């Protein structure tokens, strides 16, 4: 067990998780500005992007890059800096670090090294969109980005289809039609949907309606910006027994029938049920266990 008292004196530095605006620079908090100015180093997803923010507020703190392509070799360096007593502010390009953005690996490493991790509150596109969606705001299920591969995305949507909560997804502009098309195929054209774009910016826009209507509208209009897609919860999910009660072989077979390749289905069921992949593989292919 570990107890962290965030604001007591520590022998190490502190890792601050600093949210940045999702569009409108006026949304940054005074505390976030103070933290950006006071830390010894900023670990940024894109230093060029963050530099624009720092320049706007005349902050001169040194930066280093920390993103999905370099985190494995960068974490030891950052942990050493923190252990030497220096503080680091971790930021993503927009919104909260770790939420569909880099951050979680550094947080886990800092905790493992007994370094305090202090989160600052701030904007998150999913929550901002949800409260203005008109859909039931709680409970909600945040999923973030779907898989880019069609078969895997279809399988994810088949699972999300049955959720009673409002589901929150993120999507990039060049993949919006692809994802909405798959969503309509799996969830149907009549489920209520809300799509939000350009949140907090001048061209902020909400599309509210049936999934099929929104897909038709998007196909006939030029749309830009990052998107939040919100799916109304299923008031009558087609679940006759708990997922855990479904035999492993049947669960894999169901995903394969939905279009997922066997190996991908095996991997997903193993992950969901916290089983060894090889044991699921052998069960599905009816192979004898090795002695």
C-alpha atoms as a PDB file:
ATOM      1  CA  UNK A   1       0.000   0.000   0.000  1.00  0.00           C
ATOM      2  CA  UNK A   2       1.168   3.521  -0.777  1.00  0.00           C
ATOM      3  CA  UNK A   3      -0.061   6.770   0.777  1.00  0.00           C
ATOM      4  CA  UNK A   4       0.679  10.002  -1.104  1.00  0.00           C
ATOM      5  CA  UNK A   5       0.342  13.343   0.655  1.00  0.00           C
ATOM      6  CA  UNK A   6       0.564  15.566  -2.385  1.00  0.00           C
ATOM      7  CA  UNK A   7       1.510  18.859  -0.762  1.00  0.00           C
ATOM      8  CA  UNK A   8       3.935  17.770   1.930  1.00  0.00           C
ATOM      9  CA  UNK A   9       7.696  18.108   1.494  1.00  0.00           C
ATOM     10  CA  UNK A  10       9.265  15.315  -0.549  1.00  0.00           C
ATOM     11  CA  UNK A  11      12.842  14.266  -1.197  1.00  0.00           C
ATOM     12  CA  UNK A  12      12.023  13.913  -4.884  1.00  0.00           C
ATOM     13  CA  UNK A  13      10.484  16.273  -7.381  1.00  0.00           C
ATOM     14  CA  UNK A  14       6.788  16.143  -8.241  1.00  0.00           C
ATOM     15  CA  UNK A  15       5.115  15.105 -11.480  1.00  0.00           C
ATOM     16  CA  UNK A  16       2.310  17.565 -12.249  1.00  0.00           C
ATOM     17  CA  UNK A  17      -0.366  16.568 -14.751  1.00  0.00           C
ATOM     18  CA  UNK A  18      -1.379  19.849 -16.355  1.00  0.00           C
ATOM     19  CA  UNK A  19      -4.464  20.112 -18.600  1.00  0.00           C
ATOM     20  CA  UNK A  20      -4.353  22.517 -21.528  1.00  0.00           C
ATOM     21  CA  UNK A  21      -7.215  24.165 -23.451  1.00  0.00           C
ATOM     22  CA  UNK A  22      -9.058  22.034 -26.005  1.00  0.00           C
ATOM     23  CA  UNK A  23      -9.437  25.072 -28.264  1.00  0.00           C
ATOM     24  CA  UNK A  24     -10.111  28.322 -26.464  1.00  0.00           C
ATOM     25  CA  UNK A  25      -7.017  29.652 -24.713  1.00  0.00           C
ATOM     26  CA  UNK A  26      -9.180  31.543 -22.215  1.00  0.00           C
ATOM     27  CA  UNK A  27     -10.125  28.206 -20.659  1.00  0.00           C
ATOM     28  CA  UNK A  28      -6.710  27.638 -19.108  1.00  0.00           C
ATOM     29  CA  UNK A  29      -6.737  28.042 -15.341  1.00  0.00           C
ATOM     30  CA  UNK A  30      -4.545  30.328 -13.300  1.00  0.00           C
ATOM     31  CA  UNK A  31      -3.235  27.302 -11.447  1.00  0.00           C
ATOM     32  CA  UNK A  32      -2.234  25.625 -14.726  1.00  0.00           C
ATOM     33  CA  UNK A  33      -0.395  28.761 -15.830  1.00  0.00           C
ATOM     34  CA  UNK A  34       1.421  28.943 -12.502  1.00  0.00           C
ATOM     35  CA  UNK A  35       2.417  25.297 -12.713  1.00  0.00           C
ATOM     36  CA  UNK A  36       3.714  25.661 -16.287  1.00  0.00           C
ATOM     37  CA  UNK A  37       5.838  28.609 -15.179  1.00  0.00           C
ATOM     38  CA  UNK A  38       7.131  27.052 -11.955  1.00  0.00           C
ATOM     39  CA  UNK A  39       8.068  23.490 -12.926  1.00  0.00           C
ATOM     40  CA  UNK A  40      11.663  22.807 -13.931  1.00  0.00           C
ATOM     41  CA  UNK A  41      10.711  21.006 -17.141  1.00  0.00           C
ATOM     42  CA  UNK A  42       7.632  20.458 -19.303  1.00  0.00           C
ATOM     43  CA  UNK A  43       7.186  17.036 -20.917  1.00  0.00           C
ATOM     44  CA  UNK A  44       5.046  17.808 -23.965  1.00  0.00           C
ATOM     45  CA  UNK A  45       3.320  15.613 -26.529  1.00  0.00           C
ATOM     46  CA  UNK A  46       4.327  18.077 -29.263  1.00  0.00           C
ATOM     47  CA  UNK A  47       6.824  20.733 -28.163  1.00  0.00           C
ATOM     48  CA  UNK A  48       6.012  22.961 -31.152  1.00  0.00           C
ATOM     49  CA  UNK A  49       2.326  22.973 -30.285  1.00  0.00           C
ATOM     50  CA  UNK A  50       2.945  23.581 -26.591  1.00  0.00           C
ATOM     51  CA  UNK A  51       5.448  26.337 -27.397  1.00  0.00           C
ATOM     52  CA  UNK A  52       2.644  28.336 -28.995  1.00  0.00           C
ATOM     53  CA  UNK A  53       0.725  28.135 -25.720  1.00  0.00           C
ATOM     54  CA  UNK A  54       3.790  29.085 -23.687  1.00  0.00           C
ATOM     55  CA  UNK A  55       4.578  32.013 -25.981  1.00  0.00           C
ATOM     56  CA  UNK A  56       1.024  33.325 -25.714  1.00  0.00           C
ATOM     57  CA  UNK A  57       1.306  33.490 -21.926  1.00  0.00           C
ATOM     58  CA  UNK A  58       4.999  34.527 -21.938  1.00  0.00           C
ATOM     59  CA  UNK A  59       6.176  31.376 -20.155  1.00  0.00           C
ATOM     60  CA  UNK A  60       9.818  30.414 -20.705  1.00  0.00           C
ATOM     61  CA  UNK A  61      10.018  26.971 -19.074  1.00  0.00           C
ATOM     62  CA  UNK A  62      12.199  24.466 -20.939  1.00  0.00           C
ATOM     63  CA  UNK A  63      10.467  21.618 -22.780  1.00  0.00           C
ATOM     64  CA  UNK A  64      11.248  18.039 -23.745  1.00  0.00           C
ATOM     65  CA  UNK A  65       9.213  15.787 -26.021  1.00  0.00           C
ATOM     66  CA  UNK A  66       7.204  12.919 -24.556  1.00  0.00           C
ATOM     67  CA  UNK A  67       4.834  11.095 -26.877  1.00  0.00           C
ATOM     68  CA  UNK A  68       3.612   7.678 -27.989  1.00  0.00           C
ATOM     69  CA  UNK A  69       6.706   7.022 -30.110  1.00  0.00           C
ATOM     70  CA  UNK A  70       9.422   7.807 -27.553  1.00  0.00           C
ATOM     71  CA  UNK A  71       7.934   7.170 -24.114  1.00  0.00           C
ATOM     72  CA  UNK A  72       9.751   3.871 -23.570  1.00  0.00           C
ATOM     73  CA  UNK A  73      13.248   5.339 -23.725  1.00  0.00           C
ATOM     74  CA  UNK A  74      12.207   8.739 -22.337  1.00  0.00           C
ATOM     75  CA  UNK A  75      10.668   7.549 -19.070  1.00  0.00           C
ATOM     76  CA  UNK A  76      13.966   6.536 -17.372  1.00  0.00           C
ATOM     77  CA  UNK A  77      15.394   9.980 -18.176  1.00  0.00           C
ATOM     78  CA  UNK A  78      12.346  11.767 -16.736  1.00  0.00           C
ATOM     79  CA  UNK A  79      12.297   9.598 -13.621  1.00  0.00           C
ATOM     80  CA  UNK A  80      15.970  10.423 -12.978  1.00  0.00           C
ATOM     81  CA  UNK A  81      15.162  14.133 -13.224  1.00  0.00           C
ATOM     82  CA  UNK A  82      12.329  13.733 -10.720  1.00  0.00           C
ATOM     83  CA  UNK A  83      14.502  11.683  -8.360  1.00  0.00           C
ATOM     84  CA  UNK A  84      17.091  14.469  -8.448  1.00  0.00           C
ATOM     85  CA  UNK A  85      14.473  16.784  -6.942  1.00  0.00           C
ATOM     86  CA  UNK A  86      13.320  18.637 -10.030  1.00  0.00           C
ATOM     87  CA  UNK A  87       9.623  18.973 -10.893  1.00  0.00           C
ATOM     88  CA  UNK A  88       8.064  18.083 -14.240  1.00  0.00           C
ATOM     89  CA  UNK A  89       4.794  19.244 -15.777  1.00  0.00           C
ATOM     90  CA  UNK A  90       3.341  16.727 -18.216  1.00  0.00           C
ATOM     91  CA  UNK A  91       0.988  18.048 -20.906  1.00  0.00           C
ATOM     92  CA  UNK A  92      -0.717  16.742 -24.029  1.00  0.00           C
ATOM     93  CA  UNK A  93      -1.678  18.838 -27.033  1.00  0.00           C
ATOM     94  CA  UNK A  94      -5.158  19.495 -25.659  1.00  0.00           C
ATOM     95  CA  UNK A  95      -7.184  18.512 -22.615  1.00  0.00           C
ATOM     96  CA  UNK A  96      -6.201  16.084 -19.888  1.00  0.00           C
ATOM     97  CA  UNK A  97      -3.000  14.033 -20.088  1.00  0.00           C
ATOM     98  CA  UNK A  98      -3.580  10.250 -20.280  1.00  0.00           C
ATOM     99  CA  UNK A  99      -7.151  10.600 -21.616  1.00  0.00           C
ATOM    100  CA  UNK A 100      -6.719   9.315 -25.189  1.00  0.00           C
ATOM    101  CA  UNK A 101      -3.315  11.013 -25.004  1.00  0.00           C
ATOM    102  CA  UNK A 102       0.182  10.131 -23.693  1.00  0.00           C
ATOM    103  CA  UNK A 103       0.760  10.133 -19.953  1.00  0.00           C
ATOM    104  CA  UNK A 104      -0.315   6.941 -18.246  1.00  0.00           C
ATOM    105  CA  UNK A 105       3.054   5.191 -18.611  1.00  0.00           C
ATOM    106  CA  UNK A 106       4.919   8.086 -16.991  1.00  0.00           C
ATOM    107  CA  UNK A 107       2.364   8.242 -14.186  1.00  0.00           C
ATOM    108  CA  UNK A 108       2.764   4.518 -13.500  1.00  0.00           C
ATOM    109  CA  UNK A 109       6.563   4.787 -13.509  1.00  0.00           C
ATOM    110  CA  UNK A 110       6.498   7.755 -11.119  1.00  0.00           C
ATOM    111  CA  UNK A 111       4.204   5.944  -8.715  1.00  0.00           C
ATOM    112  CA  UNK A 112       6.445   2.867  -8.859  1.00  0.00           C
ATOM    113  CA  UNK A 113       9.415   5.100  -7.966  1.00  0.00           C
ATOM    114  CA  UNK A 114       7.477   6.641  -5.038  1.00  0.00           C
ATOM    115  CA  UNK A 115       7.372  10.043  -6.730  1.00  0.00           C
ATOM    116  CA  UNK A 116       4.262  12.153  -5.993  1.00  0.00           C
ATOM    117  CA  UNK A 117       1.868  12.650  -8.908  1.00  0.00           C
ATOM    118  CA  UNK A 118      -0.354  15.726  -8.650  1.00  0.00           C
ATOM    119  CA  UNK A 119      -3.267  16.208 -11.085  1.00  0.00           C
ATOM    120  CA  UNK A 120      -4.650  19.637 -11.932  1.00  0.00           C
ATOM    121  CA  UNK A 121      -8.320  19.929 -12.951  1.00  0.00           C
ATOM    122  CA  UNK A 122      -9.186  21.209 -16.379  1.00  0.00           C
ATOM    123  CA  UNK A 123     -11.005  20.692 -19.666  1.00  0.00           C
ATOM    124  CA  UNK A 124     -11.769  17.313 -21.212  1.00  0.00           C
ATOM    125  CA  UNK A 125     -13.532  17.212 -24.585  1.00  0.00           C
ATOM    126  CA  UNK A 126     -15.674  14.205 -23.672  1.00  0.00           C
ATOM    127  CA  UNK A 127     -17.158  15.818 -20.568  1.00  0.00           C
ATOM    128  CA  UNK A 128     -17.566  19.209 -22.240  1.00  0.00           C
ATOM    129  CA  UNK A 129     -19.523  17.598 -25.079  1.00  0.00           C
ATOM    130  CA  UNK A 130     -21.569  15.340 -22.806  1.00  0.00           C
ATOM    131  CA  UNK A 131     -23.087  18.063 -20.658  1.00  0.00           C
ATOM    132  CA  UNK A 132     -24.431  19.865 -23.743  1.00  0.00           C
ATOM    133  CA  UNK A 133     -25.465  16.747 -25.658  1.00  0.00           C
ATOM    134  CA  UNK A 134     -28.978  16.407 -24.314  1.00  0.00           C
ATOM    135  CA  UNK A 135     -28.318  12.720 -23.675  1.00  0.00           C
ATOM    136  CA  UNK A 136     -28.402  11.182 -20.207  1.00  0.00           C
ATOM    137  CA  UNK A 137     -25.132  12.421 -18.639  1.00  0.00           C
ATOM    138  CA  UNK A 138     -24.729   9.761 -16.000  1.00  0.00           C
ATOM    139  CA  UNK A 139     -23.801   7.061 -15.893  1.00  0.00           C
ATOM    140  CA  UNK A 140     -21.665   7.341 -18.991  1.00  0.00           C
ATOM    141  CA  UNK A 141     -19.045   5.100 -20.572  1.00  0.00           C
ATOM    142  CA  UNK A 142     -15.927   6.721 -22.005  1.00  0.00           C
ATOM    143  CA  UNK A 143     -14.330   4.608 -24.729  1.00  0.00           C
ATOM    144  CA  UNK A 144     -12.214   7.162 -26.602  1.00  0.00           C
ATOM    145  CA  UNK A 145     -10.848   6.208 -30.017  1.00  0.00           C
ATOM    146  CA  UNK A 146     -12.067   3.057 -31.722  1.00  0.00           C
ATOM    147  CA  UNK A 147      -9.737   0.705 -33.572  1.00  0.00           C
ATOM    148  CA  UNK A 148      -8.730   1.857 -37.043  1.00  0.00           C
ATOM    149  CA  UNK A 149      -9.165  -1.633 -38.485  1.00  0.00           C
ATOM    150  CA  UNK A 150     -12.673  -2.251 -39.777  1.00  0.00           C
ATOM    151  CA  UNK A 151     -13.195  -5.747 -38.345  1.00  0.00           C
ATOM    152  CA  UNK A 152     -11.916  -4.774 -34.914  1.00  0.00           C
ATOM    153  CA  UNK A 153     -13.965  -1.580 -34.930  1.00  0.00           C
ATOM    154  CA  UNK A 154     -17.117  -3.490 -35.842  1.00  0.00           C
ATOM    155  CA  UNK A 155     -16.502  -5.875 -32.947  1.00  0.00           C
ATOM    156  CA  UNK A 156     -15.995  -2.973 -30.532  1.00  0.00           C
ATOM    157  CA  UNK A 157     -19.216  -1.337 -31.714  1.00  0.00           C
ATOM    158  CA  UNK A 158     -21.108  -4.616 -31.327  1.00  0.00           C
ATOM    159  CA  UNK A 159     -20.076  -4.630 -27.675  1.00  0.00           C
ATOM    160  CA  UNK A 160     -20.838  -0.940 -27.157  1.00  0.00           C
ATOM    161  CA  UNK A 161     -24.269  -1.401 -28.756  1.00  0.00           C
ATOM    162  CA  UNK A 162     -25.559  -3.170 -25.652  1.00  0.00           C
ATOM    163  CA  UNK A 163     -24.379  -0.654 -23.071  1.00  0.00           C
ATOM    164  CA  UNK A 164     -27.102   1.105 -21.090  1.00  0.00           C
ATOM    165  CA  UNK A 165     -24.903   4.151 -20.448  1.00  0.00           C
ATOM    166  CA  UNK A 166     -24.292   7.033 -22.835  1.00  0.00           C
ATOM    167  CA  UNK A 167     -21.136   6.065 -24.752  1.00  0.00           C
ATOM    168  CA  UNK A 168     -18.457   8.670 -25.554  1.00  0.00           C
ATOM    169  CA  UNK A 169     -16.110   8.201 -28.518  1.00  0.00           C
ATOM    170  CA  UNK A 170     -13.415  10.359 -30.104  1.00  0.00           C
ATOM    171  CA  UNK A 171     -12.725  10.500 -33.824  1.00  0.00           C
ATOM    172  CA  UNK A 172     -10.502  12.354 -36.273  1.00  0.00           C
ATOM    173  CA  UNK A 173     -12.067  14.275 -39.203  1.00  0.00           C
ATOM    174  CA  UNK A 174     -10.665  12.045 -41.946  1.00  0.00           C
ATOM    175  CA  UNK A 175     -12.199   8.951 -40.300  1.00  0.00           C
ATOM    176  CA  UNK A 176     -15.572  10.360 -39.299  1.00  0.00           C
ATOM    177  CA  UNK A 177     -17.626   8.982 -42.217  1.00  0.00           C
ATOM    178  CA  UNK A 178     -15.896   5.596 -41.946  1.00  0.00           C
ATOM    179  CA  UNK A 179     -16.753   5.319 -38.255  1.00  0.00           C
ATOM    180  CA  UNK A 180     -20.300   6.672 -38.553  1.00  0.00           C
ATOM    181  CA  UNK A 181     -20.989   4.230 -41.408  1.00  0.00           C
ATOM    182  CA  UNK A 182     -19.845   1.301 -39.291  1.00  0.00           C
ATOM    183  CA  UNK A 183     -21.788   2.618 -36.326  1.00  0.00           C
ATOM    184  CA  UNK A 184     -25.024   2.758 -38.327  1.00  0.00           C
ATOM    185  CA  UNK A 185     -24.449  -0.791 -39.612  1.00  0.00           C
ATOM    186  CA  UNK A 186     -23.939  -2.180 -36.117  1.00  0.00           C
ATOM    187  CA  UNK A 187     -26.149  -0.041 -33.892  1.00  0.00           C
ATOM    188  CA  UNK A 188     -28.775   0.816 -36.482  1.00  0.00           C
ATOM    189  CA  UNK A 189     -29.939   4.078 -38.063  1.00  0.00           C
ATOM    190  CA  UNK A 190     -32.473   4.964 -35.375  1.00  0.00           C
ATOM    191  CA  UNK A 191     -30.356   5.164 -32.212  1.00  0.00           C
ATOM    192  CA  UNK A 192     -30.024   8.735 -30.920  1.00  0.00           C
ATOM    193  CA  UNK A 193     -26.615  10.197 -31.567  1.00  0.00           C
ATOM    194  CA  UNK A 194     -24.858  13.490 -30.886  1.00  0.00           C
ATOM    195  CA  UNK A 195     -21.694  14.583 -32.693  1.00  0.00           C
ATOM    196  CA  UNK A 196     -19.774  17.603 -31.401  1.00  0.00           C
ATOM    197  CA  UNK A 197     -16.899  19.336 -33.154  1.00  0.00           C
ATOM    198  CA  UNK A 198     -14.619  22.339 -32.690  1.00  0.00           C
ATOM    199  CA  UNK A 199     -15.518  22.491 -29.002  1.00  0.00           C
ATOM    200  CA  UNK A 200     -14.879  25.872 -27.340  1.00  0.00           C
ATOM    201  CA  UNK A 201     -13.859  27.401 -30.691  1.00  0.00           C
ATOM    202  CA  UNK A 202     -15.637  29.878 -32.949  1.00  0.00           C
ATOM    203  CA  UNK A 203     -17.192  27.160 -35.150  1.00  0.00           C
ATOM    204  CA  UNK A 204     -18.333  24.899 -32.321  1.00  0.00           C
ATOM    205  CA  UNK A 205     -21.156  22.721 -33.590  1.00  0.00           C
ATOM    206  CA  UNK A 206     -23.480  19.991 -32.288  1.00  0.00           C
ATOM    207  CA  UNK A 207     -25.314  17.527 -34.524  1.00  0.00           C
ATOM    208  CA  UNK A 208     -28.219  15.882 -32.695  1.00  0.00           C
ATOM    209  CA  UNK A 209     -30.504  13.258 -34.177  1.00  0.00           C
ATOM    210  CA  UNK A 210     -30.805   9.652 -35.296  1.00  0.00           C
ATOM    211  CA  UNK A 211     -27.564   7.929 -36.328  1.00  0.00           C
ATOM    212  CA  UNK A 212     -28.722   7.512 -39.926  1.00  0.00           C
ATOM    213  CA  UNK A 213     -29.712  11.173 -40.214  1.00  0.00           C
ATOM    214  CA  UNK A 214     -26.356  12.346 -38.914  1.00  0.00           C
ATOM    215  CA  UNK A 215     -24.461  10.061 -41.281  1.00  0.00           C
ATOM    216  CA  UNK A 216     -26.449  11.445 -44.236  1.00  0.00           C
ATOM    217  CA  UNK A 217     -25.764  15.021 -43.121  1.00  0.00           C
ATOM    218  CA  UNK A 218     -22.038  14.448 -42.687  1.00  0.00           C
ATOM    219  CA  UNK A 219     -21.777  12.768 -46.090  1.00  0.00           C
ATOM    220  CA  UNK A 220     -23.205  15.896 -47.714  1.00  0.00           C
ATOM    221  CA  UNK A 221     -21.292  18.570 -45.802  1.00  0.00           C
ATOM    222  CA  UNK A 222     -17.638  19.434 -45.409  1.00  0.00           C
ATOM    223  CA  UNK A 223     -16.717  18.985 -41.757  1.00  0.00           C
ATOM    224  CA  UNK A 224     -13.456  19.731 -40.001  1.00  0.00           C
ATOM    225  CA  UNK A 225     -12.038  19.562 -36.516  1.00  0.00           C
ATOM    226  CA  UNK A 226     -11.749  16.864 -33.885  1.00  0.00           C
ATOM    227  CA  UNK A 227     -14.987  15.056 -33.060  1.00  0.00           C
ATOM    228  CA  UNK A 228     -16.743  13.684 -30.007  1.00  0.00           C
ATOM    229  CA  UNK A 229     -19.411  11.097 -30.842  1.00  0.00           C
ATOM    230  CA  UNK A 230     -21.976  10.279 -28.161  1.00  0.00           C
ATOM    231  CA  UNK A 231     -24.304   7.286 -28.458  1.00  0.00           C
ATOM    232  CA  UNK A 232     -27.508   7.148 -26.426  1.00  0.00           C
ATOM    233  CA  UNK A 233     -27.580   4.205 -24.048  1.00  0.00           C
ATOM    234  CA  UNK A 234     -29.474   1.048 -24.989  1.00  0.00           C
ATOM    235  CA  UNK A 235     -32.669   0.977 -22.921  1.00  0.00           C
ATOM    236  CA  UNK A 236     -33.295  -2.683 -23.810  1.00  0.00           C
ATOM    237  CA  UNK A 237     -29.942  -4.431 -24.323  1.00  0.00           C
ATOM    238  CA  UNK A 238     -30.042  -7.879 -25.887  1.00  0.00           C
ATOM    239  CA  UNK A 239     -28.399  -9.666 -22.991  1.00  0.00           C
ATOM    240  CA  UNK A 240     -29.959 -12.882 -21.741  1.00  0.00           C
ATOM    241  CA  UNK A 241     -27.035 -13.979 -19.574  1.00  0.00           C
ATOM    242  CA  UNK A 242     -23.945 -12.403 -18.132  1.00  0.00           C
ATOM    243  CA  UNK A 243     -20.923 -12.215 -20.434  1.00  0.00           C
ATOM    244  CA  UNK A 244     -18.857 -14.223 -17.976  1.00  0.00           C
ATOM    245  CA  UNK A 245     -21.429 -17.044 -18.130  1.00  0.00           C
ATOM    246  CA  UNK A 246     -20.910 -17.452 -21.871  1.00  0.00           C
ATOM    247  CA  UNK A 247     -18.348 -20.209 -22.520  1.00  0.00           C
ATOM    248  CA  UNK A 248     -15.026 -18.987 -23.871  1.00  0.00           C
ATOM    249  CA  UNK A 249     -15.367 -20.873 -27.152  1.00  0.00           C
ATOM    250  CA  UNK A 250     -18.839 -19.429 -27.716  1.00  0.00           C
ATOM    251  CA  UNK A 251     -17.667 -15.922 -26.873  1.00  0.00           C
ATOM    252  CA  UNK A 252     -14.829 -16.156 -29.404  1.00  0.00           C
ATOM    253  CA  UNK A 253     -17.186 -17.618 -31.989  1.00  0.00           C
ATOM    254  CA  UNK A 254     -19.609 -14.745 -31.523  1.00  0.00           C
ATOM    255  CA  UNK A 255     -16.895 -12.201 -32.303  1.00  0.00           C
ATOM    256  CA  UNK A 256     -15.774 -14.212 -35.342  1.00  0.00           C
ATOM    257  CA  UNK A 257     -19.359 -14.259 -36.598  1.00  0.00           C
ATOM    258  CA  UNK A 258     -19.394 -10.476 -36.305  1.00  0.00           C
ATOM    259  CA  UNK A 259     -16.435 -10.268 -38.673  1.00  0.00           C
ATOM    260  CA  UNK A 260     -13.407 -10.376 -36.384  1.00  0.00           C
ATOM    261  CA  UNK A 261     -10.546 -12.684 -37.356  1.00  0.00           C
ATOM    262  CA  UNK A 262     -10.099 -15.665 -34.988  1.00  0.00           C
ATOM    263  CA  UNK A 263      -6.748 -14.540 -33.581  1.00  0.00           C
ATOM    264  CA  UNK A 264      -8.070 -11.042 -32.899  1.00  0.00           C
ATOM    265  CA  UNK A 265     -11.200 -12.487 -31.265  1.00  0.00           C
ATOM    266  CA  UNK A 266      -9.085 -14.811 -29.111  1.00  0.00           C
ATOM    267  CA  UNK A 267      -6.897 -11.903 -28.036  1.00  0.00           C
ATOM    268  CA  UNK A 268      -9.925  -9.767 -27.122  1.00  0.00           C
ATOM    269  CA  UNK A 269     -11.648 -12.465 -25.056  1.00  0.00           C
ATOM    270  CA  UNK A 270      -8.376 -13.292 -23.277  1.00  0.00           C
ATOM    271  CA  UNK A 271      -7.912  -9.622 -22.398  1.00  0.00           C
ATOM    272  CA  UNK A 272     -11.516  -9.107 -21.263  1.00  0.00           C
ATOM    273  CA  UNK A 273     -11.520 -12.200 -19.055  1.00  0.00           C
ATOM    274  CA  UNK A 274      -7.913 -11.883 -17.917  1.00  0.00           C
ATOM    275  CA  UNK A 275      -7.008 -15.319 -19.270  1.00  0.00           C
ATOM    276  CA  UNK A 276      -3.837 -16.608 -20.866  1.00  0.00           C
ATOM    277  CA  UNK A 277      -4.105 -16.132 -24.615  1.00  0.00           C
ATOM    278  CA  UNK A 278      -2.735 -19.603 -25.295  1.00  0.00           C
ATOM    279  CA  UNK A 279      -5.405 -21.251 -23.138  1.00  0.00           C
ATOM    280  CA  UNK A 280      -8.161 -19.453 -25.061  1.00  0.00           C
ATOM    281  CA  UNK A 281      -6.454 -20.371 -28.341  1.00  0.00           C
ATOM    282  CA  UNK A 282      -6.327 -24.047 -27.393  1.00  0.00           C
ATOM    283  CA  UNK A 283      -9.936 -24.080 -26.199  1.00  0.00           C
ATOM    284  CA  UNK A 284     -11.201 -22.468 -29.388  1.00  0.00           C
ATOM    285  CA  UNK A 285      -9.202 -24.731 -31.685  1.00  0.00           C
ATOM    286  CA  UNK A 286      -9.954 -27.787 -29.507  1.00  0.00           C
ATOM    287  CA  UNK A 287      -6.287 -28.550 -28.913  1.00  0.00           C
ATOM    288  CA  UNK A 288      -5.157 -30.721 -26.017  1.00  0.00           C
ATOM    289  CA  UNK A 289      -3.244 -29.041 -23.218  1.00  0.00           C
ATOM    290  CA  UNK A 290       0.486 -29.719 -23.200  1.00  0.00           C
ATOM    291  CA  UNK A 291       1.553 -32.057 -20.404  1.00  0.00           C
END
